[in-house]
Amino acid sequence: MNHTGQDYYSWGHLQDRNGREIDPNEVDFSSIKNEVLDRMIVCRPECAIERIETYRKRLRATELMIKLSFTGITHEMRMNLIRTIAEKVMPYFG
């Protein structure tokens, strides 16, 4: 995972699959990396649609939080992400 993933992990707000808080000072990032990745949707629009649909079916989710402010993301990149989501992902969900 990239620097952003480690930043995300270091904030210390995650829980493991059993709902226990994960302390980034006690649990090495490499041992939890796959679990962190599993909670993010970072891929092409087609893949994002599939993953969102999986969450919608499995969890009966009706809302999705999208975070676009990460270390190294420029304003132009953020605007491109917003356009891509609006044009290629959101229409699928009506």
PDB file of N, CA and C in Angstrom:
ATOM      1  N   MET A   1       0.841  -1.181   0.000  1.00  0.00           N
ATOM      2  CA  MET A   1       0.000   0.000   0.000  1.00  0.00           C
ATOM      3  C   MET A   1       0.882   1.238   0.000  1.00  0.00           C
ATOM      4  N   ASN A   2       0.368   2.306  -0.538  1.00  0.00           N
ATOM      5  CA  ASN A   2       1.163   3.518  -0.667  1.00  0.00           C
ATOM      6  C   ASN A   2       1.202   4.321   0.627  1.00  0.00           C
ATOM      7  N   HIS A   3       1.901   5.431   0.560  1.00  0.00           N
ATOM      8  CA  HIS A   3       2.053   6.334   1.703  1.00  0.00           C
ATOM      9  C   HIS A   3       0.695   6.758   2.265  1.00  0.00           C
ATOM     10  N   THR A   4      -0.271   7.017   1.398  1.00  0.00           N
ATOM     11  CA  THR A   4      -1.595   7.435   1.832  1.00  0.00           C
ATOM     12  C   THR A   4      -2.241   6.376   2.730  1.00  0.00           C
ATOM     13  N   GLY A   5      -2.101   5.116   2.372  1.00  0.00           N
ATOM     14  CA  GLY A   5      -2.660   4.049   3.190  1.00  0.00           C
ATOM     15  C   GLY A   5      -2.057   4.013   4.579  1.00  0.00           C
ATOM     16  N   GLN A   6      -0.758   4.238   4.644  1.00  0.00           N
ATOM     17  CA  GLN A   6      -0.113   4.264   5.951  1.00  0.00           C
ATOM     18  C   GLN A   6      -0.570   5.481   6.752  1.00  0.00           C
ATOM     19  N   ASP A   7      -0.747   6.614   6.071  1.00  0.00           N
ATOM     20  CA  ASP A   7      -1.273   7.797   6.757  1.00  0.00           C
ATOM     21  C   ASP A   7      -2.648   7.485   7.328  1.00  0.00           C
ATOM     22  N   TYR A   8      -3.500   6.913   6.501  1.00  0.00           N
ATOM     23  CA  TYR A   8      -4.855   6.555   6.909  1.00  0.00           C
ATOM     24  C   TYR A   8      -4.818   5.644   8.137  1.00  0.00           C
ATOM     25  N   TYR A   9      -3.949   4.671   8.098  1.00  0.00           N
ATOM     26  CA  TYR A   9      -3.813   3.736   9.207  1.00  0.00           C
ATOM     27  C   TYR A   9      -3.313   4.424  10.468  1.00  0.00           C
ATOM     28  N   SER A  10      -2.343   5.327  10.320  1.00  0.00           N
ATOM     29  CA  SER A  10      -1.723   5.958  11.483  1.00  0.00           C
ATOM     30  C   SER A  10      -2.671   6.876  12.256  1.00  0.00           C
ATOM     31  N   TRP A  11      -3.797   7.261  11.647  1.00  0.00           N
ATOM     32  CA  TRP A  11      -4.762   8.115  12.350  1.00  0.00           C
ATOM     33  C   TRP A  11      -5.376   7.390  13.543  1.00  0.00           C
ATOM     34  N   GLY A  12      -5.350   6.058  13.522  1.00  0.00           N
ATOM     35  CA  GLY A  12      -5.768   5.294  14.681  1.00  0.00           C
ATOM     36  C   GLY A  12      -7.258   5.223  14.933  1.00  0.00           C
ATOM     37  N   HIS A  13      -8.050   5.251  13.902  1.00  0.00           N
ATOM     38  CA  HIS A  13      -9.504   5.222  14.088  1.00  0.00           C
ATOM     39  C   HIS A  13     -10.131   3.924  13.600  1.00  0.00           C
ATOM     40  N   LEU A  14      -9.333   2.935  13.280  1.00  0.00           N
ATOM     41  CA  LEU A  14      -9.860   1.695  12.720  1.00  0.00           C
ATOM     42  C   LEU A  14     -10.151   0.652  13.786  1.00  0.00           C
ATOM     43  N   GLN A  15     -11.053  -0.238  13.426  1.00  0.00           N
ATOM     44  CA  GLN A  15     -11.360  -1.399  14.253  1.00  0.00           C
ATOM     45  C   GLN A  15     -11.082  -2.637  13.429  1.00  0.00           C
ATOM     46  N   ASP A  16     -10.783  -3.738  14.103  1.00  0.00           N
ATOM     47  CA  ASP A  16     -10.580  -4.982  13.367  1.00  0.00           C
ATOM     48  C   ASP A  16     -11.932  -5.581  13.011  1.00  0.00           C
ATOM     49  N   ARG A  17     -11.918  -6.732  12.376  1.00  0.00           N
ATOM     50  CA  ARG A  17     -13.166  -7.365  11.912  1.00  0.00           C
ATOM     51  C   ARG A  17     -14.107  -7.733  13.064  1.00  0.00           C
ATOM     52  N   ASN A  18     -13.576  -7.770  14.285  1.00  0.00           N
ATOM     53  CA  ASN A  18     -14.393  -8.099  15.452  1.00  0.00           C
ATOM     54  C   ASN A  18     -14.825  -6.862  16.235  1.00  0.00           C
ATOM     55  N   GLY A  19     -14.539  -5.680  15.693  1.00  0.00           N
ATOM     56  CA  GLY A  19     -14.963  -4.446  16.341  1.00  0.00           C
ATOM     57  C   GLY A  19     -14.026  -3.921  17.409  1.00  0.00           C
ATOM     58  N   ARG A  20     -12.857  -4.547  17.560  1.00  0.00           N
ATOM     59  CA  ARG A  20     -11.876  -4.065  18.541  1.00  0.00           C
ATOM     60  C   ARG A  20     -11.025  -2.968  17.912  1.00  0.00           C
ATOM     61  N   GLU A  21     -10.759  -1.919  18.689  1.00  0.00           N
ATOM     62  CA  GLU A  21      -9.934  -0.816  18.201  1.00  0.00           C
ATOM     63  C   GLU A  21      -8.520  -1.303  17.905  1.00  0.00           C
ATOM     64  N   ILE A  22      -7.976  -0.837  16.794  1.00  0.00           N
ATOM     65  CA  ILE A  22      -6.608  -1.175  16.406  1.00  0.00           C
ATOM     66  C   ILE A  22      -5.721   0.010  16.749  1.00  0.00           C
ATOM     67  N   ASP A  23      -4.754  -0.210  17.616  1.00  0.00           N
ATOM     68  CA  ASP A  23      -3.811   0.842  17.983  1.00  0.00           C
ATOM     69  C   ASP A  23      -2.619   0.766  17.037  1.00  0.00           C
ATOM     70  N   PRO A  24      -2.435   1.775  16.163  1.00  0.00           N
ATOM     71  CA  PRO A  24      -1.336   1.723  15.205  1.00  0.00           C
ATOM     72  C   PRO A  24       0.046   1.738  15.853  1.00  0.00           C
ATOM     73  N   ASN A  25       0.112   2.107  17.126  1.00  0.00           N
ATOM     74  CA  ASN A  25       1.391   2.073  17.841  1.00  0.00           C
ATOM     75  C   ASN A  25       1.729   0.668  18.320  1.00  0.00           C
ATOM     76  N   GLU A  26       0.730  -0.206  18.359  1.00  0.00           N
ATOM     77  CA  GLU A  26       0.946  -1.566  18.847  1.00  0.00           C
ATOM     78  C   GLU A  26       0.840  -2.626  17.753  1.00  0.00           C
ATOM     79  N   VAL A  27       0.117  -2.322  16.676  1.00  0.00           N
ATOM     80  CA  VAL A  27      -0.093  -3.281  15.596  1.00  0.00           C
ATOM     81  C   VAL A  27       0.623  -2.769  14.350  1.00  0.00           C
ATOM     82  N   ASP A  28       1.560  -3.554  13.840  1.00  0.00           N
ATOM     83  CA  ASP A  28       2.333  -3.172  12.670  1.00  0.00           C
ATOM     84  C   ASP A  28       1.428  -3.053  11.440  1.00  0.00           C
ATOM     85  N   PHE A  29       1.644  -1.991  10.671  1.00  0.00           N
ATOM     86  CA  PHE A  29       0.837  -1.733   9.477  1.00  0.00           C
ATOM     87  C   PHE A  29       0.823  -2.924   8.525  1.00  0.00           C
ATOM     88  N   SER A  30       1.967  -3.555   8.329  1.00  0.00           N
ATOM     89  CA  SER A  30       2.035  -4.666   7.375  1.00  0.00           C
ATOM     90  C   SER A  30       1.119  -5.822   7.766  1.00  0.00           C
ATOM     91  N   SER A  31       0.853  -5.992   9.054  1.00  0.00           N
ATOM     92  CA  SER A  31      -0.005  -7.098   9.484  1.00  0.00           C
ATOM     93  C   SER A  31      -1.489  -6.787   9.300  1.00  0.00           C
ATOM     94  N   ILE A  32      -1.841  -5.543   9.090  1.00  0.00           N
ATOM     95  CA  ILE A  32      -3.240  -5.148   8.962  1.00  0.00           C
ATOM     96  C   ILE A  32      -3.529  -4.562   7.578  1.00  0.00           C
ATOM     97  N   LYS A  33      -2.505  -4.472   6.736  1.00  0.00           N
ATOM     98  CA  LYS A  33      -2.602  -3.832   5.424  1.00  0.00           C
ATOM     99  C   LYS A  33      -3.774  -4.345   4.582  1.00  0.00           C
ATOM    100  N   ASN A  34      -3.928  -5.649   4.483  1.00  0.00           N
ATOM    101  CA  ASN A  34      -5.005  -6.204   3.658  1.00  0.00           C
ATOM    102  C   ASN A  34      -6.381  -5.839   4.189  1.00  0.00           C
ATOM    103  N   GLU A  35      -6.512  -5.789   5.487  1.00  0.00           N
ATOM    104  CA  GLU A  35      -7.787  -5.401   6.087  1.00  0.00           C
ATOM    105  C   GLU A  35      -8.100  -3.930   5.792  1.00  0.00           C
ATOM    106  N   VAL A  36      -7.090  -3.076   5.821  1.00  0.00           N
ATOM    107  CA  VAL A  36      -7.279  -1.662   5.489  1.00  0.00           C
ATOM    108  C   VAL A  36      -7.652  -1.532   4.019  1.00  0.00           C
ATOM    109  N   LEU A  37      -6.937  -2.231   3.150  1.00  0.00           N
ATOM    110  CA  LEU A  37      -7.239  -2.187   1.723  1.00  0.00           C
ATOM    111  C   LEU A  37      -8.656  -2.666   1.429  1.00  0.00           C
ATOM    112  N   ASP A  38      -9.096  -3.646   2.173  1.00  0.00           N
ATOM    113  CA  ASP A  38     -10.420  -4.228   1.977  1.00  0.00           C
ATOM    114  C   ASP A  38     -11.536  -3.209   2.222  1.00  0.00           C
ATOM    115  N   ARG A  39     -11.244  -2.159   2.956  1.00  0.00           N
ATOM    116  CA  ARG A  39     -12.244  -1.149   3.296  1.00  0.00           C
ATOM    117  C   ARG A  39     -12.240   0.027   2.338  1.00  0.00           C
ATOM    118  N   MET A  40     -11.300   0.048   1.410  1.00  0.00           N
ATOM    119  CA  MET A  40     -11.185   1.150   0.466  1.00  0.00           C
ATOM    120  C   MET A  40     -11.576   0.690  -0.926  1.00  0.00           C
ATOM    121  N   ILE A  41     -12.101   1.616  -1.683  1.00  0.00           N
ATOM    122  CA  ILE A  41     -12.392   1.344  -3.087  1.00  0.00           C
ATOM    123  C   ILE A  41     -11.508   2.283  -3.891  1.00  0.00           C
ATOM    124  N   VAL A  42     -10.407   1.752  -4.361  1.00  0.00           N
ATOM    125  CA  VAL A  42      -9.459   2.526  -5.144  1.00  0.00           C
ATOM    126  C   VAL A  42      -9.215   1.740  -6.421  1.00  0.00           C
ATOM    127  N   CYS A  43      -9.976   2.086  -7.472  1.00  0.00           N
ATOM    128  CA  CYS A  43      -9.879   1.347  -8.724  1.00  0.00           C
ATOM    129  C   CYS A  43     -10.626   2.096  -9.831  1.00  0.00           C
ATOM    130  N   ARG A  44     -10.685   1.507 -10.983  1.00  0.00           N
ATOM    131  CA  ARG A  44     -11.398   2.088 -12.120  1.00  0.00           C
ATOM    132  C   ARG A  44     -12.903   2.099 -11.840  1.00  0.00           C
ATOM    133  N   PRO A  45     -13.655   2.943 -12.553  1.00  0.00           N
ATOM    134  CA  PRO A  45     -15.101   3.058 -12.303  1.00  0.00           C
ATOM    135  C   PRO A  45     -15.851   1.724 -12.340  1.00  0.00           C
ATOM    136  N   GLU A  46     -15.526   0.859 -13.294  1.00  0.00           N
ATOM    137  CA  GLU A  46     -16.237  -0.432 -13.400  1.00  0.00           C
ATOM    138  C   GLU A  46     -16.035  -1.267 -12.139  1.00  0.00           C
ATOM    139  N   CYS A  47     -14.821  -1.282 -11.652  1.00  0.00           N
ATOM    140  CA  CYS A  47     -14.492  -2.009 -10.423  1.00  0.00           C
ATOM    141  C   CYS A  47     -15.190  -1.363  -9.226  1.00  0.00           C
ATOM    142  N   ALA A  48     -15.191  -0.022  -9.186  1.00  0.00           N
ATOM    143  CA  ALA A  48     -15.846   0.689  -8.080  1.00  0.00           C
ATOM    144  C   ALA A  48     -17.332   0.344  -8.033  1.00  0.00           C
ATOM    145  N   ILE A  49     -17.970   0.303  -9.191  1.00  0.00           N
ATOM    146  CA  ILE A  49     -19.394  -0.049  -9.249  1.00  0.00           C
ATOM    147  C   ILE A  49     -19.611  -1.440  -8.676  1.00  0.00           C
ATOM    148  N   GLU A  50     -18.787  -2.388  -9.067  1.00  0.00           N
ATOM    149  CA  GLU A  50     -18.910  -3.766  -8.559  1.00  0.00           C
ATOM    150  C   GLU A  50     -18.738  -3.818  -7.047  1.00  0.00           C
ATOM    151  N   ARG A  51     -17.719  -3.125  -6.529  1.00  0.00           N
ATOM    152  CA  ARG A  51     -17.467  -3.152  -5.080  1.00  0.00           C
ATOM    153  C   ARG A  51     -18.589  -2.466  -4.312  1.00  0.00           C
ATOM    154  N   ILE A  52     -19.062  -1.330  -4.822  1.00  0.00           N
ATOM    155  CA  ILE A  52     -20.174  -0.631  -4.161  1.00  0.00           C
ATOM    156  C   ILE A  52     -21.409  -1.508  -4.169  1.00  0.00           C
ATOM    157  N   GLU A  53     -21.673  -2.148  -5.277  1.00  0.00           N
ATOM    158  CA  GLU A  53     -22.838  -3.036  -5.390  1.00  0.00           C
ATOM    159  C   GLU A  53     -22.716  -4.197  -4.397  1.00  0.00           C
ATOM    160  N   THR A  54     -21.520  -4.724  -4.224  1.00  0.00           N
ATOM    161  CA  THR A  54     -21.299  -5.796  -3.255  1.00  0.00           C
ATOM    162  C   THR A  54     -21.634  -5.315  -1.847  1.00  0.00           C
ATOM    163  N   TYR A  55     -21.139  -4.124  -1.479  1.00  0.00           N
ATOM    164  CA  TYR A  55     -21.452  -3.568  -0.166  1.00  0.00           C
ATOM    165  C   TYR A  55     -22.949  -3.327  -0.030  1.00  0.00           C
ATOM    166  N   ARG A  56     -23.559  -2.823  -1.079  1.00  0.00           N
ATOM    167  CA  ARG A  56     -24.997  -2.532  -1.029  1.00  0.00           C
ATOM    168  C   ARG A  56     -25.798  -3.804  -0.770  1.00  0.00           C
ATOM    169  N   LYS A  57     -25.427  -4.885  -1.442  1.00  0.00           N
ATOM    170  CA  LYS A  57     -26.146  -6.154  -1.271  1.00  0.00           C
ATOM    171  C   LYS A  57     -25.825  -6.806   0.069  1.00  0.00           C
ATOM    172  N   ARG A  58     -24.538  -6.866   0.399  1.00  0.00           N
ATOM    173  CA  ARG A  58     -24.121  -7.572   1.610  1.00  0.00           C
ATOM    174  C   ARG A  58     -24.520  -6.826   2.880  1.00  0.00           C
ATOM    175  N   LEU A  59     -24.338  -5.517   2.875  1.00  0.00           N
ATOM    176  CA  LEU A  59     -24.583  -4.728   4.078  1.00  0.00           C
ATOM    177  C   LEU A  59     -25.889  -3.946   4.042  1.00  0.00           C
ATOM    178  N   ARG A  60     -26.561  -4.024   2.897  1.00  0.00           N
ATOM    179  CA  ARG A  60     -27.773  -3.222   2.673  1.00  0.00           C
ATOM    180  C   ARG A  60     -27.487  -1.737   2.866  1.00  0.00           C
ATOM    181  N   ALA A  61     -26.290  -1.338   2.463  1.00  0.00           N
ATOM    182  CA  ALA A  61     -25.866   0.059   2.587  1.00  0.00           C
ATOM    183  C   ALA A  61     -26.680   0.935   1.643  1.00  0.00           C
ATOM    184  N   THR A  62     -27.057   2.094   2.120  1.00  0.00           N
ATOM    185  CA  THR A  62     -27.815   3.042   1.299  1.00  0.00           C
ATOM    186  C   THR A  62     -27.048   4.347   1.100  1.00  0.00           C
ATOM    187  N   GLU A  63     -25.922   4.478   1.770  1.00  0.00           N
ATOM    188  CA  GLU A  63     -25.102   5.676   1.644  1.00  0.00           C
ATOM    189  C   GLU A  63     -23.634   5.276   1.539  1.00  0.00           C
ATOM    190  N   LEU A  64     -22.863   6.153   0.905  1.00  0.00           N
ATOM    191  CA  LEU A  64     -21.443   5.912   0.725  1.00  0.00           C
ATOM    192  C   LEU A  64     -20.700   7.198   0.999  1.00  0.00           C
ATOM    193  N   MET A  65     -19.673   7.136   1.814  1.00  0.00           N
ATOM    194  CA  MET A  65     -18.840   8.301   2.079  1.00  0.00           C
ATOM    195  C   MET A  65     -17.626   8.243   1.153  1.00  0.00           C
ATOM    196  N   ILE A  66     -17.391   9.336   0.458  1.00  0.00           N
ATOM    197  CA  ILE A  66     -16.267   9.398  -0.467  1.00  0.00           C
ATOM    198  C   ILE A  66     -15.279  10.429   0.055  1.00  0.00           C
ATOM    199  N   LYS A  67     -14.066  10.000   0.301  1.00  0.00           N
ATOM    200  CA  LYS A  67     -13.009  10.892   0.774  1.00  0.00           C
ATOM    201  C   LYS A  67     -12.038  11.121  -0.370  1.00  0.00           C
ATOM    202  N   LEU A  68     -11.833  12.375  -0.712  1.00  0.00           N
ATOM    203  CA  LEU A  68     -10.962  12.709  -1.831  1.00  0.00           C
ATOM    204  C   LEU A  68      -9.754  13.530  -1.418  1.00  0.00           C
ATOM    205  N   SER A  69      -9.598  13.788  -0.148  1.00  0.00           N
ATOM    206  CA  SER A  69      -8.464  14.577   0.330  1.00  0.00           C
ATOM    207  C   SER A  69      -7.440  13.659   0.981  1.00  0.00           C
ATOM    208  N   PHE A  70      -6.388  13.387   0.254  1.00  0.00           N
ATOM    209  CA  PHE A  70      -5.306  12.556   0.745  1.00  0.00           C
ATOM    210  C   PHE A  70      -3.990  13.254   0.465  1.00  0.00           C
ATOM    211  N   THR A  71      -2.972  12.889   1.177  1.00  0.00           N
ATOM    212  CA  THR A  71      -1.644  13.418   0.941  1.00  0.00           C
ATOM    213  C   THR A  71      -1.259  13.180  -0.515  1.00  0.00           C
ATOM    214  N   GLY A  72      -0.792  14.224  -1.179  1.00  0.00           N
ATOM    215  CA  GLY A  72      -0.321  14.085  -2.557  1.00  0.00           C
ATOM    216  C   GLY A  72      -1.379  14.269  -3.625  1.00  0.00           C
ATOM    217  N   ILE A  73      -2.638  14.418  -3.248  1.00  0.00           N
ATOM    218  CA  ILE A  73      -3.705  14.629  -4.224  1.00  0.00           C
ATOM    219  C   ILE A  73      -3.842  16.132  -4.467  1.00  0.00           C
ATOM    220  N   THR A  74      -3.651  16.550  -5.712  1.00  0.00           N
ATOM    221  CA  THR A  74      -3.764  17.970  -6.051  1.00  0.00           C
ATOM    222  C   THR A  74      -5.228  18.337  -6.267  1.00  0.00           C
ATOM    223  N   HIS A  75      -5.499  19.616  -6.332  1.00  0.00           N
ATOM    224  CA  HIS A  75      -6.866  20.088  -6.603  1.00  0.00           C
ATOM    225  C   HIS A  75      -7.349  19.562  -7.957  1.00  0.00           C
ATOM    226  N   GLU A  76      -6.486  19.604  -8.959  1.00  0.00           N
ATOM    227  CA  GLU A  76      -6.861  19.112 -10.293  1.00  0.00           C
ATOM    228  C   GLU A  76      -7.202  17.617 -10.254  1.00  0.00           C
ATOM    229  N   MET A  77      -6.405  16.833  -9.542  1.00  0.00           N
ATOM    230  CA  MET A  77      -6.688  15.401  -9.420  1.00  0.00           C
ATOM    231  C   MET A  77      -8.025  15.177  -8.726  1.00  0.00           C
ATOM    232  N   ARG A  78      -8.275  15.938  -7.667  1.00  0.00           N
ATOM    233  CA  ARG A  78      -9.520  15.820  -6.924  1.00  0.00           C
ATOM    234  C   ARG A  78     -10.719  16.144  -7.825  1.00  0.00           C
ATOM    235  N   MET A  79     -10.596  17.200  -8.615  1.00  0.00           N
ATOM    236  CA  MET A  79     -11.686  17.583  -9.520  1.00  0.00           C
ATOM    237  C   MET A  79     -11.914  16.505 -10.583  1.00  0.00           C
ATOM    238  N   ASN A  80     -10.848  15.895 -11.077  1.00  0.00           N
ATOM    239  CA  ASN A  80     -10.991  14.796 -12.039  1.00  0.00           C
ATOM    240  C   ASN A  80     -11.698  13.603 -11.402  1.00  0.00           C
ATOM    241  N   LEU A  81     -11.382  13.323 -10.157  1.00  0.00           N
ATOM    242  CA  LEU A  81     -12.054  12.233  -9.441  1.00  0.00           C
ATOM    243  C   LEU A  81     -13.542  12.519  -9.285  1.00  0.00           C
ATOM    244  N   ILE A  82     -13.867  13.744  -8.929  1.00  0.00           N
ATOM    245  CA  ILE A  82     -15.281  14.120  -8.765  1.00  0.00           C
ATOM    246  C   ILE A  82     -16.018  13.945 -10.086  1.00  0.00           C
ATOM    247  N   ARG A  83     -15.426  14.412 -11.186  1.00  0.00           N
ATOM    248  CA  ARG A  83     -16.064  14.273 -12.506  1.00  0.00           C
ATOM    249  C   ARG A  83     -16.239  12.801 -12.877  1.00  0.00           C
ATOM    250  N   THR A  84     -15.208  12.004 -12.639  1.00  0.00           N
ATOM    251  CA  THR A  84     -15.284  10.580 -12.974  1.00  0.00           C
ATOM    252  C   THR A  84     -16.383   9.890 -12.183  1.00  0.00           C
ATOM    253  N   ILE A  85     -16.461  10.163 -10.900  1.00  0.00           N
ATOM    254  CA  ILE A  85     -17.507   9.566 -10.060  1.00  0.00           C
ATOM    255  C   ILE A  85     -18.882  10.005 -10.540  1.00  0.00           C
ATOM    256  N   ALA A  86     -19.031  11.299 -10.816  1.00  0.00           N
ATOM    257  CA  ALA A  86     -20.326  11.847 -11.252  1.00  0.00           C
ATOM    258  C   ALA A  86     -20.754  11.297 -12.601  1.00  0.00           C
ATOM    259  N   GLU A  87     -19.803  11.128 -13.518  1.00  0.00           N
ATOM    260  CA  GLU A  87     -20.139  10.717 -14.878  1.00  0.00           C
ATOM    261  C   GLU A  87     -20.190   9.205 -15.083  1.00  0.00           C
ATOM    262  N   LYS A  88     -19.383   8.459 -14.322  1.00  0.00           N
ATOM    263  CA  LYS A  88     -19.249   7.028 -14.619  1.00  0.00           C
ATOM    264  C   LYS A  88     -19.736   6.095 -13.512  1.00  0.00           C
ATOM    265  N   VAL A  89     -19.812   6.581 -12.284  1.00  0.00           N
ATOM    266  CA  VAL A  89     -20.224   5.701 -11.185  1.00  0.00           C
ATOM    267  C   VAL A  89     -21.649   6.007 -10.726  1.00  0.00           C
ATOM    268  N   MET A  90     -21.902   7.253 -10.406  1.00  0.00           N
ATOM    269  CA  MET A  90     -23.223   7.625  -9.868  1.00  0.00           C
ATOM    270  C   MET A  90     -24.384   7.259 -10.794  1.00  0.00           C
ATOM    271  N   PRO A  91     -24.281   7.418 -12.121  1.00  0.00           N
ATOM    272  CA  PRO A  91     -25.420   7.067 -12.973  1.00  0.00           C
ATOM    273  C   PRO A  91     -25.865   5.615 -12.827  1.00  0.00           C
ATOM    274  N   TYR A  92     -24.937   4.725 -12.522  1.00  0.00           N
ATOM    275  CA  TYR A  92     -25.289   3.316 -12.339  1.00  0.00           C
ATOM    276  C   TYR A  92     -26.293   3.131 -11.190  1.00  0.00           C
ATOM    277  N   PHE A  93     -26.164   3.949 -10.171  1.00  0.00           N
ATOM    278  CA  PHE A  93     -26.988   3.805  -8.980  1.00  0.00           C
ATOM    279  C   PHE A  93     -28.243   4.672  -9.020  1.00  0.00           C
ATOM    280  N   GLY A  94     -28.471   5.307 -10.156  1.00  0.00           N
ATOM    281  CA  GLY A  94     -29.716   6.003 -10.424  1.00  0.00           C
ATOM    282  C   GLY A  94     -29.915   7.315  -9.813  1.00  0.00           C
TER     283      GLY A  94
END
